[in-house]
Amino acid sequence: MGARAAPPASSVNPPAPRTFGLIAWLAAAFVALPIAGLLWRAPWTRAGAILGSAEVRSALAVSIVVSLGATLLVLLLGLPMGWMLAR
């Protein structure tokens, strides 16, 4: 016989409630506003001198070493575990 007609698009994917949109905007503001405040108050005229200081280089080195260590740990432990769980 004949094929059934598809249901209207509005019944397939109903729109999300406005509450979800409000929560999403609040979450975005919760992240974006502090970053904007830091960028606004940053001493841009002295940025080169500050970024070239020994303290900043040391902090950057620590950050790189720790992030590489965490990546290595995830590869060594997480990859075999993921493979085991997928089997």
C-alpha atoms as a PDB file:
ATOM      1  CA  MET A   1       0.000   0.000   0.000  1.00  0.00           C
ATOM      2  CA  GLY A   2       1.138   3.572   0.618  1.00  0.00           C
ATOM      3  CA  ALA A   3       3.786   4.985   2.885  1.00  0.00           C
ATOM      4  CA  ARG A   4       2.750   6.854   5.964  1.00  0.00           C
ATOM      5  CA  ALA A   5       3.158  10.578   6.044  1.00  0.00           C
ATOM      6  CA  ALA A   6       5.859  11.935   8.343  1.00  0.00           C
ATOM      7  CA  PRO A   7       4.623  13.695  11.471  1.00  0.00           C
ATOM      8  CA  PRO A   8       4.934  17.479  11.527  1.00  0.00           C
ATOM      9  CA  ALA A   9       8.360  18.776  12.496  1.00  0.00           C
ATOM     10  CA  SER A  10       7.015  20.469  15.615  1.00  0.00           C
ATOM     11  CA  SER A  11       5.982  17.137  17.129  1.00  0.00           C
ATOM     12  CA  VAL A  12       9.295  15.466  16.332  1.00  0.00           C
ATOM     13  CA  ASN A  13      11.572  17.986  18.034  1.00  0.00           C
ATOM     14  CA  PRO A  14       9.634  20.195  20.405  1.00  0.00           C
ATOM     15  CA  PRO A  15      11.395  23.433  21.277  1.00  0.00           C
ATOM     16  CA  ALA A  16      13.323  23.553  24.528  1.00  0.00           C
ATOM     17  CA  PRO A  17      11.705  25.505  27.337  1.00  0.00           C
ATOM     18  CA  ARG A  18      12.848  29.080  27.790  1.00  0.00           C
ATOM     19  CA  THR A  19      14.237  28.096  31.165  1.00  0.00           C
ATOM     20  CA  PHE A  20      17.025  26.141  29.471  1.00  0.00           C
ATOM     21  CA  GLY A  21      17.962  29.168  27.410  1.00  0.00           C
ATOM     22  CA  LEU A  22      18.071  31.341  30.514  1.00  0.00           C
ATOM     23  CA  ILE A  23      20.246  28.815  32.329  1.00  0.00           C
ATOM     24  CA  ALA A  24      22.584  28.607  29.329  1.00  0.00           C
ATOM     25  CA  TRP A  25      22.938  32.408  29.219  1.00  0.00           C
ATOM     26  CA  LEU A  26      23.634  32.543  32.954  1.00  0.00           C
ATOM     27  CA  ALA A  27      26.262  29.814  32.647  1.00  0.00           C
ATOM     28  CA  ALA A  28      27.939  31.634  29.753  1.00  0.00           C
ATOM     29  CA  ALA A  29      27.934  34.887  31.728  1.00  0.00           C
ATOM     30  CA  PHE A  30      29.343  33.056  34.767  1.00  0.00           C
ATOM     31  CA  VAL A  31      32.345  32.045  32.644  1.00  0.00           C
ATOM     32  CA  ALA A  32      32.706  35.069  30.356  1.00  0.00           C
ATOM     33  CA  LEU A  33      32.342  37.958  32.815  1.00  0.00           C
ATOM     34  CA  PRO A  34      35.322  37.089  35.050  1.00  0.00           C
ATOM     35  CA  ILE A  35      37.501  36.579  31.974  1.00  0.00           C
ATOM     36  CA  ALA A  36      36.355  39.929  30.578  1.00  0.00           C
ATOM     37  CA  GLY A  37      37.128  41.557  33.928  1.00  0.00           C
ATOM     38  CA  LEU A  38      40.640  40.109  33.939  1.00  0.00           C
ATOM     39  CA  LEU A  39      41.255  41.294  30.382  1.00  0.00           C
ATOM     40  CA  TRP A  40      39.886  44.758  31.211  1.00  0.00           C
ATOM     41  CA  ARG A  41      42.124  45.218  34.255  1.00  0.00           C
ATOM     42  CA  ALA A  42      45.296  43.688  32.762  1.00  0.00           C
ATOM     43  CA  PRO A  43      48.299  46.031  32.575  1.00  0.00           C
ATOM     44  CA  TRP A  44      48.633  45.927  28.791  1.00  0.00           C
ATOM     45  CA  THR A  45      51.320  48.659  28.670  1.00  0.00           C
ATOM     46  CA  ARG A  46      53.687  46.510  30.785  1.00  0.00           C
ATOM     47  CA  ALA A  47      52.649  43.127  29.330  1.00  0.00           C
ATOM     48  CA  GLY A  48      55.971  42.490  27.575  1.00  0.00           C
ATOM     49  CA  ALA A  49      58.057  43.117  30.674  1.00  0.00           C
ATOM     50  CA  ILE A  50      55.745  41.093  32.884  1.00  0.00           C
ATOM     51  CA  LEU A  51      55.598  38.131  30.501  1.00  0.00           C
ATOM     52  CA  GLY A  52      59.391  38.130  30.174  1.00  0.00           C
ATOM     53  CA  SER A  53      60.029  37.932  33.916  1.00  0.00           C
ATOM     54  CA  ALA A  54      61.577  34.898  35.564  1.00  0.00           C
ATOM     55  CA  GLU A  55      58.451  34.208  37.645  1.00  0.00           C
ATOM     56  CA  VAL A  56      56.248  33.962  34.573  1.00  0.00           C
ATOM     57  CA  ARG A  57      58.712  31.695  32.767  1.00  0.00           C
ATOM     58  CA  SER A  58      58.893  29.471  35.835  1.00  0.00           C
ATOM     59  CA  ALA A  59      55.095  29.295  36.136  1.00  0.00           C
ATOM     60  CA  LEU A  60      54.809  28.493  32.428  1.00  0.00           C
ATOM     61  CA  ALA A  61      57.406  25.727  32.755  1.00  0.00           C
ATOM     62  CA  VAL A  62      55.534  24.212  35.711  1.00  0.00           C
ATOM     63  CA  SER A  63      52.248  24.379  33.789  1.00  0.00           C
ATOM     64  CA  ILE A  64      53.752  22.654  30.758  1.00  0.00           C
ATOM     65  CA  VAL A  65      55.396  19.895  32.828  1.00  0.00           C
ATOM     66  CA  VAL A  66      52.221  19.203  34.814  1.00  0.00           C
ATOM     67  CA  SER A  67      49.986  19.179  31.720  1.00  0.00           C
ATOM     68  CA  LEU A  68      52.346  16.821  29.889  1.00  0.00           C
ATOM     69  CA  GLY A  69      52.471  14.570  32.956  1.00  0.00           C
ATOM     70  CA  ALA A  70      48.678  14.494  33.158  1.00  0.00           C
ATOM     71  CA  THR A  71      48.459  13.699  29.442  1.00  0.00           C
ATOM     72  CA  LEU A  72      50.959  10.875  29.825  1.00  0.00           C
ATOM     73  CA  LEU A  73      49.060   9.499  32.830  1.00  0.00           C
ATOM     74  CA  VAL A  74      45.795   9.534  30.898  1.00  0.00           C
ATOM     75  CA  LEU A  75      47.430   7.769  27.963  1.00  0.00           C
ATOM     76  CA  LEU A  76      49.032   5.125  30.170  1.00  0.00           C
ATOM     77  CA  LEU A  77      45.959   4.419  32.298  1.00  0.00           C
ATOM     78  CA  GLY A  78      42.980   5.629  30.302  1.00  0.00           C
ATOM     79  CA  LEU A  79      43.777   4.153  26.914  1.00  0.00           C
ATOM     80  CA  PRO A  80      44.106   0.543  28.135  1.00  0.00           C
ATOM     81  CA  MET A  81      41.046   0.963  30.353  1.00  0.00           C
ATOM     82  CA  GLY A  82      39.004   2.321  27.454  1.00  0.00           C
ATOM     83  CA  TRP A  83      40.175  -0.514  25.250  1.00  0.00           C
ATOM     84  CA  MET A  84      39.281  -3.070  27.932  1.00  0.00           C
ATOM     85  CA  LEU A  85      35.821  -1.558  28.449  1.00  0.00           C
ATOM     86  CA  ALA A  86      35.154  -1.467  24.709  1.00  0.00           C
ATOM     87  CA  ARG A  87      35.832  -5.209  24.306  1.00  0.00           C
END
